Amino acid sequence: EATPTPWATLNISLIGIVDNGAGQKIASFVKDGEVLLVGRPGQVVGNAFRVIRIGTESAEIEELGSRRTRRLPLKTN
């Protein structure tokens, strides 16, 4: 039986969460240390992942390639 090739984990950090005033949260992400991406729940960001939900201190994403879901903690410098 062939072993499935493991997908490389995307290098994504959650750097900000804002509320747009209408009760909808928008999250800011850094991918590969440089690209700034912004998304709302349901949106596909950077052709790499879908934002599933955004909490107060974390966001849940689904990696498009592997369909894996991950919880990203809010990075506080």
PDB file of N, CA and C in Angstrom:
ATOM      1  N   GLU A   1       0.858  -1.197   0.000  1.00  0.00           N
ATOM      2  CA  GLU A   1       0.000   0.000   0.000  1.00  0.00           C
ATOM      3  C   GLU A   1       0.890   1.241   0.000  1.00  0.00           C
ATOM      4  N   ALA A   2       0.612   2.137  -0.913  1.00  0.00           N
ATOM      5  CA  ALA A   2       1.435   3.336  -1.046  1.00  0.00           C
ATOM      6  C   ALA A   2       1.179   4.284   0.110  1.00  0.00           C
ATOM      7  N   THR A   3       2.261   4.861   0.612  1.00  0.00           N
ATOM      8  CA  THR A   3       2.135   5.844   1.676  1.00  0.00           C
ATOM      9  C   THR A   3       1.848   7.193   1.030  1.00  0.00           C
ATOM     10  N   PRO A   4       0.804   7.904   1.474  1.00  0.00           N
ATOM     11  CA  PRO A   4       0.528   9.217   0.877  1.00  0.00           C
ATOM     12  C   PRO A   4       1.666  10.191   1.175  1.00  0.00           C
ATOM     13  N   THR A   5       1.982  11.005   0.194  1.00  0.00           N
ATOM     14  CA  THR A   5       3.032  12.004   0.387  1.00  0.00           C
ATOM     15  C   THR A   5       2.531  13.057   1.364  1.00  0.00           C
ATOM     16  N   PRO A   6       3.267  13.291   2.450  1.00  0.00           N
ATOM     17  CA  PRO A   6       2.795  14.312   3.402  1.00  0.00           C
ATOM     18  C   PRO A   6       2.905  15.709   2.813  1.00  0.00           C
ATOM     19  N   TRP A   7       1.907  16.503   3.053  1.00  0.00           N
ATOM     20  CA  TRP A   7       1.925  17.891   2.596  1.00  0.00           C
ATOM     21  C   TRP A   7       2.807  18.689   3.537  1.00  0.00           C
ATOM     22  N   ALA A   8       3.603  19.567   2.957  1.00  0.00           N
ATOM     23  CA  ALA A   8       4.391  20.460   3.800  1.00  0.00           C
ATOM     24  C   ALA A   8       3.439  21.425   4.500  1.00  0.00           C
ATOM     25  N   THR A   9       3.701  21.672   5.758  1.00  0.00           N
ATOM     26  CA  THR A   9       2.860  22.599   6.505  1.00  0.00           C
ATOM     27  C   THR A   9       3.145  24.022   6.035  1.00  0.00           C
ATOM     28  N   LEU A  10       2.094  24.755   5.773  1.00  0.00           N
ATOM     29  CA  LEU A  10       2.247  26.143   5.337  1.00  0.00           C
ATOM     30  C   LEU A  10       2.854  26.976   6.469  1.00  0.00           C
ATOM     31  N   ASN A  11       3.734  27.877   6.090  1.00  0.00           N
ATOM     32  CA  ASN A  11       4.382  28.754   7.064  1.00  0.00           C
ATOM     33  C   ASN A  11       3.553  30.032   7.192  1.00  0.00           C
ATOM     34  N   ILE A  12       2.585  30.002   8.097  1.00  0.00           N
ATOM     35  CA  ILE A  12       1.654  31.124   8.248  1.00  0.00           C
ATOM     36  C   ILE A  12       1.592  31.537   9.711  1.00  0.00           C
ATOM     37  N   SER A  13       1.597  32.831   9.945  1.00  0.00           N
ATOM     38  CA  SER A  13       1.419  33.367  11.297  1.00  0.00           C
ATOM     39  C   SER A  13       0.236  34.324  11.286  1.00  0.00           C
ATOM     40  N   LEU A  14      -0.507  34.320  12.381  1.00  0.00           N
ATOM     41  CA  LEU A  14      -1.610  35.259  12.577  1.00  0.00           C
ATOM     42  C   LEU A  14      -1.053  36.451  13.337  1.00  0.00           C
ATOM     43  N   ILE A  15      -1.127  37.643  12.731  1.00  0.00           N
ATOM     44  CA  ILE A  15      -0.517  38.808  13.377  1.00  0.00           C
ATOM     45  C   ILE A  15      -1.512  39.861  13.835  1.00  0.00           C
ATOM     46  N   GLY A  16      -2.763  39.740  13.425  1.00  0.00           N
ATOM     47  CA  GLY A  16      -3.722  40.743  13.858  1.00  0.00           C
ATOM     48  C   GLY A  16      -5.152  40.320  13.643  1.00  0.00           C
ATOM     49  N   ILE A  17      -6.022  40.782  14.536  1.00  0.00           N
ATOM     50  CA  ILE A  17      -7.457  40.558  14.393  1.00  0.00           C
ATOM     51  C   ILE A  17      -8.139  41.894  14.666  1.00  0.00           C
ATOM     52  N   VAL A  18      -8.976  42.327  13.725  1.00  0.00           N
ATOM     53  CA  VAL A  18      -9.725  43.557  13.947  1.00  0.00           C
ATOM     54  C   VAL A  18     -11.208  43.283  13.735  1.00  0.00           C
ATOM     55  N   ASP A  19     -12.024  44.089  14.375  1.00  0.00           N
ATOM     56  CA  ASP A  19     -13.467  44.019  14.179  1.00  0.00           C
ATOM     57  C   ASP A  19     -13.833  45.191  13.278  1.00  0.00           C
ATOM     58  N   ASN A  20     -14.570  44.915  12.208  1.00  0.00           N
ATOM     59  CA  ASN A  20     -14.884  45.975  11.253  1.00  0.00           C
ATOM     60  C   ASN A  20     -16.012  46.879  11.717  1.00  0.00           C
ATOM     61  N   GLY A  21     -16.472  46.696  12.948  1.00  0.00           N
ATOM     62  CA  GLY A  21     -17.527  47.559  13.471  1.00  0.00           C
ATOM     63  C   GLY A  21     -18.915  46.999  13.231  1.00  0.00           C
ATOM     64  N   ALA A  22     -19.014  46.050  12.304  1.00  0.00           N
ATOM     65  CA  ALA A  22     -20.298  45.413  12.018  1.00  0.00           C
ATOM     66  C   ALA A  22     -20.348  44.021  12.639  1.00  0.00           C
ATOM     67  N   GLY A  23     -19.479  43.795  13.611  1.00  0.00           N
ATOM     68  CA  GLY A  23     -19.448  42.518  14.285  1.00  0.00           C
ATOM     69  C   GLY A  23     -18.735  41.433  13.502  1.00  0.00           C
ATOM     70  N   GLN A  24     -18.059  41.814  12.438  1.00  0.00           N
ATOM     71  CA  GLN A  24     -17.326  40.827  11.646  1.00  0.00           C
ATOM     72  C   GLN A  24     -15.831  41.021  11.857  1.00  0.00           C
ATOM     73  N   LYS A  25     -15.164  39.920  12.174  1.00  0.00           N
ATOM     74  CA  LYS A  25     -13.725  39.990  12.421  1.00  0.00           C
ATOM     75  C   LYS A  25     -12.955  39.761  11.125  1.00  0.00           C
ATOM     76  N   ILE A  26     -11.844  40.451  11.015  1.00  0.00           N
ATOM     77  CA  ILE A  26     -10.937  40.318   9.878  1.00  0.00           C
ATOM     78  C   ILE A  26      -9.560  40.014  10.449  1.00  0.00           C
ATOM     79  N   ALA A  27      -8.893  39.005   9.891  1.00  0.00           N
ATOM     80  CA  ALA A  27      -7.590  38.596  10.407  1.00  0.00           C
ATOM     81  C   ALA A  27      -6.487  38.943   9.417  1.00  0.00           C
ATOM     82  N   SER A  28      -5.318  39.277   9.961  1.00  0.00           N
ATOM     83  CA  SER A  28      -4.129  39.553   9.146  1.00  0.00           C
ATOM     84  C   SER A  28      -3.127  38.438   9.368  1.00  0.00           C
ATOM     85  N   PHE A  29      -2.555  37.961   8.267  1.00  0.00           N
ATOM     86  CA  PHE A  29      -1.616  36.843   8.319  1.00  0.00           C
ATOM     87  C   PHE A  29      -0.309  37.210   7.627  1.00  0.00           C
ATOM     88  N   VAL A  30       0.767  36.582   8.063  1.00  0.00           N
ATOM     89  CA  VAL A  30       2.037  36.661   7.356  1.00  0.00           C
ATOM     90  C   VAL A  30       2.346  35.258   6.858  1.00  0.00           C
ATOM     91  N   LYS A  31       2.630  35.142   5.569  1.00  0.00           N
ATOM     92  CA  LYS A  31       2.984  33.844   4.982  1.00  0.00           C
ATOM     93  C   LYS A  31       4.439  33.913   4.543  1.00  0.00           C
ATOM     94  N   ASP A  32       5.201  32.916   4.938  1.00  0.00           N
ATOM     95  CA  ASP A  32       6.627  32.834   4.603  1.00  0.00           C
ATOM     96  C   ASP A  32       7.404  34.064   5.072  1.00  0.00           C
ATOM     97  N   GLY A  33       6.955  34.670   6.159  1.00  0.00           N
ATOM     98  CA  GLY A  33       7.685  35.766   6.772  1.00  0.00           C
ATOM     99  C   GLY A  33       7.576  37.099   6.083  1.00  0.00           C
ATOM    100  N   GLU A  34       6.806  37.196   4.995  1.00  0.00           N
ATOM    101  CA  GLU A  34       6.826  38.476   4.294  1.00  0.00           C
ATOM    102  C   GLU A  34       5.488  38.937   3.734  1.00  0.00           C
ATOM    103  N   VAL A  35       4.680  38.026   3.233  1.00  0.00           N
ATOM    104  CA  VAL A  35       3.482  38.451   2.527  1.00  0.00           C
ATOM    105  C   VAL A  35       2.353  38.732   3.517  1.00  0.00           C
ATOM    106  N   LEU A  36       1.814  39.924   3.467  1.00  0.00           N
ATOM    107  CA  LEU A  36       0.708  40.287   4.346  1.00  0.00           C
ATOM    108  C   LEU A  36      -0.609  39.930   3.665  1.00  0.00           C
ATOM    109  N   LEU A  37      -1.404  39.135   4.342  1.00  0.00           N
ATOM    110  CA  LEU A  37      -2.678  38.692   3.795  1.00  0.00           C
ATOM    111  C   LEU A  37      -3.780  38.998   4.790  1.00  0.00           C
ATOM    112  N   VAL A  38      -4.928  39.417   4.273  1.00  0.00           N
ATOM    113  CA  VAL A  38      -6.049  39.768   5.129  1.00  0.00           C
ATOM    114  C   VAL A  38      -7.263  38.976   4.658  1.00  0.00           C
ATOM    115  N   GLY A  39      -7.999  38.405   5.611  1.00  0.00           N
ATOM    116  CA  GLY A  39      -9.168  37.636   5.209  1.00  0.00           C
ATOM    117  C   GLY A  39     -10.242  37.576   6.265  1.00  0.00           C
ATOM    118  N   ARG A  40     -11.466  37.333   5.800  1.00  0.00           N
ATOM    119  CA  ARG A  40     -12.626  37.131   6.662  1.00  0.00           C
ATOM    120  C   ARG A  40     -13.001  35.664   6.607  1.00  0.00           C
ATOM    121  N   PRO A  41     -13.785  35.180   7.578  1.00  0.00           N
ATOM    122  CA  PRO A  41     -14.220  33.780   7.537  1.00  0.00           C
ATOM    123  C   PRO A  41     -14.880  33.446   6.196  1.00  0.00           C
ATOM    124  N   GLY A  42     -14.487  32.313   5.630  1.00  0.00           N
ATOM    125  CA  GLY A  42     -15.018  31.880   4.349  1.00  0.00           C
ATOM    126  C   GLY A  42     -14.153  32.268   3.170  1.00  0.00           C
ATOM    127  N   GLN A  43     -13.264  33.223   3.350  1.00  0.00           N
ATOM    128  CA  GLN A  43     -12.418  33.674   2.258  1.00  0.00           C
ATOM    129  C   GLN A  43     -11.199  32.789   2.090  1.00  0.00           C
ATOM    130  N   VAL A  44     -10.793  32.606   0.826  1.00  0.00           N
ATOM    131  CA  VAL A  44      -9.537  31.945   0.508  1.00  0.00           C
ATOM    132  C   VAL A  44      -8.468  33.029   0.442  1.00  0.00           C
ATOM    133  N   VAL A  45      -7.360  32.794   1.126  1.00  0.00           N
ATOM    134  CA  VAL A  45      -6.303  33.796   1.224  1.00  0.00           C
ATOM    135  C   VAL A  45      -5.032  33.274   0.562  1.00  0.00           C
ATOM    136  N   GLY A  46      -4.486  34.066  -0.329  1.00  0.00           N
ATOM    137  CA  GLY A  46      -3.207  33.749  -0.952  1.00  0.00           C
ATOM    138  C   GLY A  46      -3.183  32.451  -1.736  1.00  0.00           C
ATOM    139  N   ASN A  47      -4.334  32.016  -2.231  1.00  0.00           N
ATOM    140  CA  ASN A  47      -4.443  30.737  -2.934  1.00  0.00           C
ATOM    141  C   ASN A  47      -3.874  29.575  -2.120  1.00  0.00           C
ATOM    142  N   ALA A  48      -3.821  29.743  -0.805  1.00  0.00           N
ATOM    143  CA  ALA A  48      -3.153  28.736   0.025  1.00  0.00           C
ATOM    144  C   ALA A  48      -4.055  28.157   1.109  1.00  0.00           C
ATOM    145  N   PHE A  49      -4.945  28.972   1.651  1.00  0.00           N
ATOM    146  CA  PHE A  49      -5.781  28.484   2.745  1.00  0.00           C
ATOM    147  C   PHE A  49      -7.084  29.261   2.812  1.00  0.00           C
ATOM    148  N   ARG A  50      -8.057  28.647   3.467  1.00  0.00           N
ATOM    149  CA  ARG A  50      -9.355  29.279   3.684  1.00  0.00           C
ATOM    150  C   ARG A  50      -9.472  29.601   5.163  1.00  0.00           C
ATOM    151  N   VAL A  51      -9.967  30.792   5.455  1.00  0.00           N
ATOM    152  CA  VAL A  51     -10.230  31.171   6.842  1.00  0.00           C
ATOM    153  C   VAL A  51     -11.546  30.520   7.252  1.00  0.00           C
ATOM    154  N   ILE A  52     -11.503  29.719   8.299  1.00  0.00           N
ATOM    155  CA  ILE A  52     -12.724  29.053   8.762  1.00  0.00           C
ATOM    156  C   ILE A  52     -13.430  29.912   9.802  1.00  0.00           C
ATOM    157  N   ARG A  53     -12.707  30.268  10.856  1.00  0.00           N
ATOM    158  CA  ARG A  53     -13.300  31.166  11.851  1.00  0.00           C
ATOM    159  C   ARG A  53     -12.203  31.973  12.517  1.00  0.00           C
ATOM    160  N   ILE A  54     -12.613  33.106  13.054  1.00  0.00           N
ATOM    161  CA  ILE A  54     -11.683  34.010  13.729  1.00  0.00           C
ATOM    162  C   ILE A  54     -12.222  34.259  15.126  1.00  0.00           C
ATOM    163  N   GLY A  55     -11.390  33.939  16.120  1.00  0.00           N
ATOM    164  CA  GLY A  55     -11.783  34.178  17.500  1.00  0.00           C
ATOM    165  C   GLY A  55     -11.184  35.475  18.011  1.00  0.00           C
ATOM    166  N   THR A  56     -11.046  35.584  19.323  1.00  0.00           N
ATOM    167  CA  THR A  56     -10.459  36.790  19.886  1.00  0.00           C
ATOM    168  C   THR A  56      -8.943  36.716  19.903  1.00  0.00           C
ATOM    169  N   GLU A  57      -8.387  35.507  20.043  1.00  0.00           N
ATOM    170  CA  GLU A  57      -6.934  35.374  20.121  1.00  0.00           C
ATOM    171  C   GLU A  57      -6.386  34.274  19.232  1.00  0.00           C
ATOM    172  N   SER A  58      -7.203  33.803  18.291  1.00  0.00           N
ATOM    173  CA  SER A  58      -6.735  32.771  17.367  1.00  0.00           C
ATOM    174  C   SER A  58      -7.630  32.769  16.130  1.00  0.00           C
ATOM    175  N   ALA A  59      -7.148  32.070  15.099  1.00  0.00           N
ATOM    176  CA  ALA A  59      -7.950  31.871  13.894  1.00  0.00           C
ATOM    177  C   ALA A  59      -7.781  30.429  13.464  1.00  0.00           C
ATOM    178  N   GLU A  60      -8.829  29.885  12.865  1.00  0.00           N
ATOM    179  CA  GLU A  60      -8.764  28.522  12.356  1.00  0.00           C
ATOM    180  C   GLU A  60      -8.753  28.603  10.842  1.00  0.00           C
ATOM    181  N   ILE A  61      -7.810  27.870  10.229  1.00  0.00           N
ATOM    182  CA  ILE A  61      -7.688  27.886   8.779  1.00  0.00           C
ATOM    183  C   ILE A  61      -7.720  26.463   8.245  1.00  0.00           C
ATOM    184  N   GLU A  62      -8.060  26.339   6.965  1.00  0.00           N
ATOM    185  CA  GLU A  62      -7.989  25.055   6.274  1.00  0.00           C
ATOM    186  C   GLU A  62      -6.994  25.206   5.132  1.00  0.00           C
ATOM    187  N   GLU A  63      -5.967  24.345   5.139  1.00  0.00           N
ATOM    188  CA  GLU A  63      -4.982  24.366   4.058  1.00  0.00           C
ATOM    189  C   GLU A  63      -5.636  23.767   2.821  1.00  0.00           C
ATOM    190  N   LEU A  64      -5.579  24.478   1.704  1.00  0.00           N
ATOM    191  CA  LEU A  64      -6.283  24.041   0.506  1.00  0.00           C
ATOM    192  C   LEU A  64      -5.718  22.749  -0.063  1.00  0.00           C
ATOM    193  N   GLY A  65      -4.402  22.577  -0.046  1.00  0.00           N
ATOM    194  CA  GLY A  65      -3.808  21.388  -0.635  1.00  0.00           C
ATOM    195  C   GLY A  65      -4.147  20.118   0.118  1.00  0.00           C
ATOM    196  N   SER A  66      -4.023  20.168   1.433  1.00  0.00           N
ATOM    197  CA  SER A  66      -4.158  18.962   2.244  1.00  0.00           C
ATOM    198  C   SER A  66      -5.528  18.835   2.899  1.00  0.00           C
ATOM    199  N   ARG A  67      -6.305  19.917   2.879  1.00  0.00           N
ATOM    200  CA  ARG A  67      -7.604  19.969   3.566  1.00  0.00           C
ATOM    201  C   ARG A  67      -7.443  19.856   5.085  1.00  0.00           C
ATOM    202  N   ARG A  68      -6.216  20.009   5.581  1.00  0.00           N
ATOM    203  CA  ARG A  68      -6.008  19.975   7.027  1.00  0.00           C
ATOM    204  C   ARG A  68      -6.452  21.302   7.630  1.00  0.00           C
ATOM    205  N   THR A  69      -7.002  21.228   8.826  1.00  0.00           N
ATOM    206  CA  THR A  69      -7.341  22.462   9.527  1.00  0.00           C
ATOM    207  C   THR A  69      -6.327  22.688  10.634  1.00  0.00           C
ATOM    208  N   ARG A  70      -6.030  23.960  10.874  1.00  0.00           N
ATOM    209  CA  ARG A  70      -5.077  24.336  11.895  1.00  0.00           C
ATOM    210  C   ARG A  70      -5.584  25.557  12.647  1.00  0.00           C
ATOM    211  N   ARG A  71      -5.247  25.613  13.917  1.00  0.00           N
ATOM    212  CA  ARG A  71      -5.562  26.783  14.724  1.00  0.00           C
ATOM    213  C   ARG A  71      -4.287  27.590  14.872  1.00  0.00           C
ATOM    214  N   LEU A  72      -4.343  28.859  14.489  1.00  0.00           N
ATOM    215  CA  LEU A  72      -3.180  29.725  14.589  1.00  0.00           C
ATOM    216  C   LEU A  72      -3.366  30.677  15.772  1.00  0.00           C
ATOM    217  N   PRO A  73      -2.480  30.638  16.747  1.00  0.00           N
ATOM    218  CA  PRO A  73      -2.585  31.603  17.846  1.00  0.00           C
ATOM    219  C   PRO A  73      -2.144  32.986  17.387  1.00  0.00           C
ATOM    220  N   LEU A  74      -2.751  34.003  17.962  1.00  0.00           N
ATOM    221  CA  LEU A  74      -2.361  35.381  17.656  1.00  0.00           C
ATOM    222  C   LEU A  74      -0.962  35.627  18.191  1.00  0.00           C
ATOM    223  N   LYS A  75      -0.077  36.074  17.307  1.00  0.00           N
ATOM    224  CA  LYS A  75       1.291  36.344  17.719  1.00  0.00           C
ATOM    225  C   LYS A  75       1.358  37.692  18.407  1.00  0.00           C
ATOM    226  N   THR A  76       1.874  37.700  19.635  1.00  0.00           N
ATOM    227  CA  THR A  76       2.056  38.966  20.335  1.00  0.00           C
ATOM    228  C   THR A  76       3.547  39.136  20.540  1.00  0.00           C
ATOM    229  N   ASN A  77       4.084  40.192  19.955  1.00  0.00           N
ATOM    230  CA  ASN A  77       5.548  40.388  20.002  1.00  0.00           C
ATOM    231  C   ASN A  77       5.962  40.817  21.391  1.00  0.00           C
TER     232      ASN A  77
END
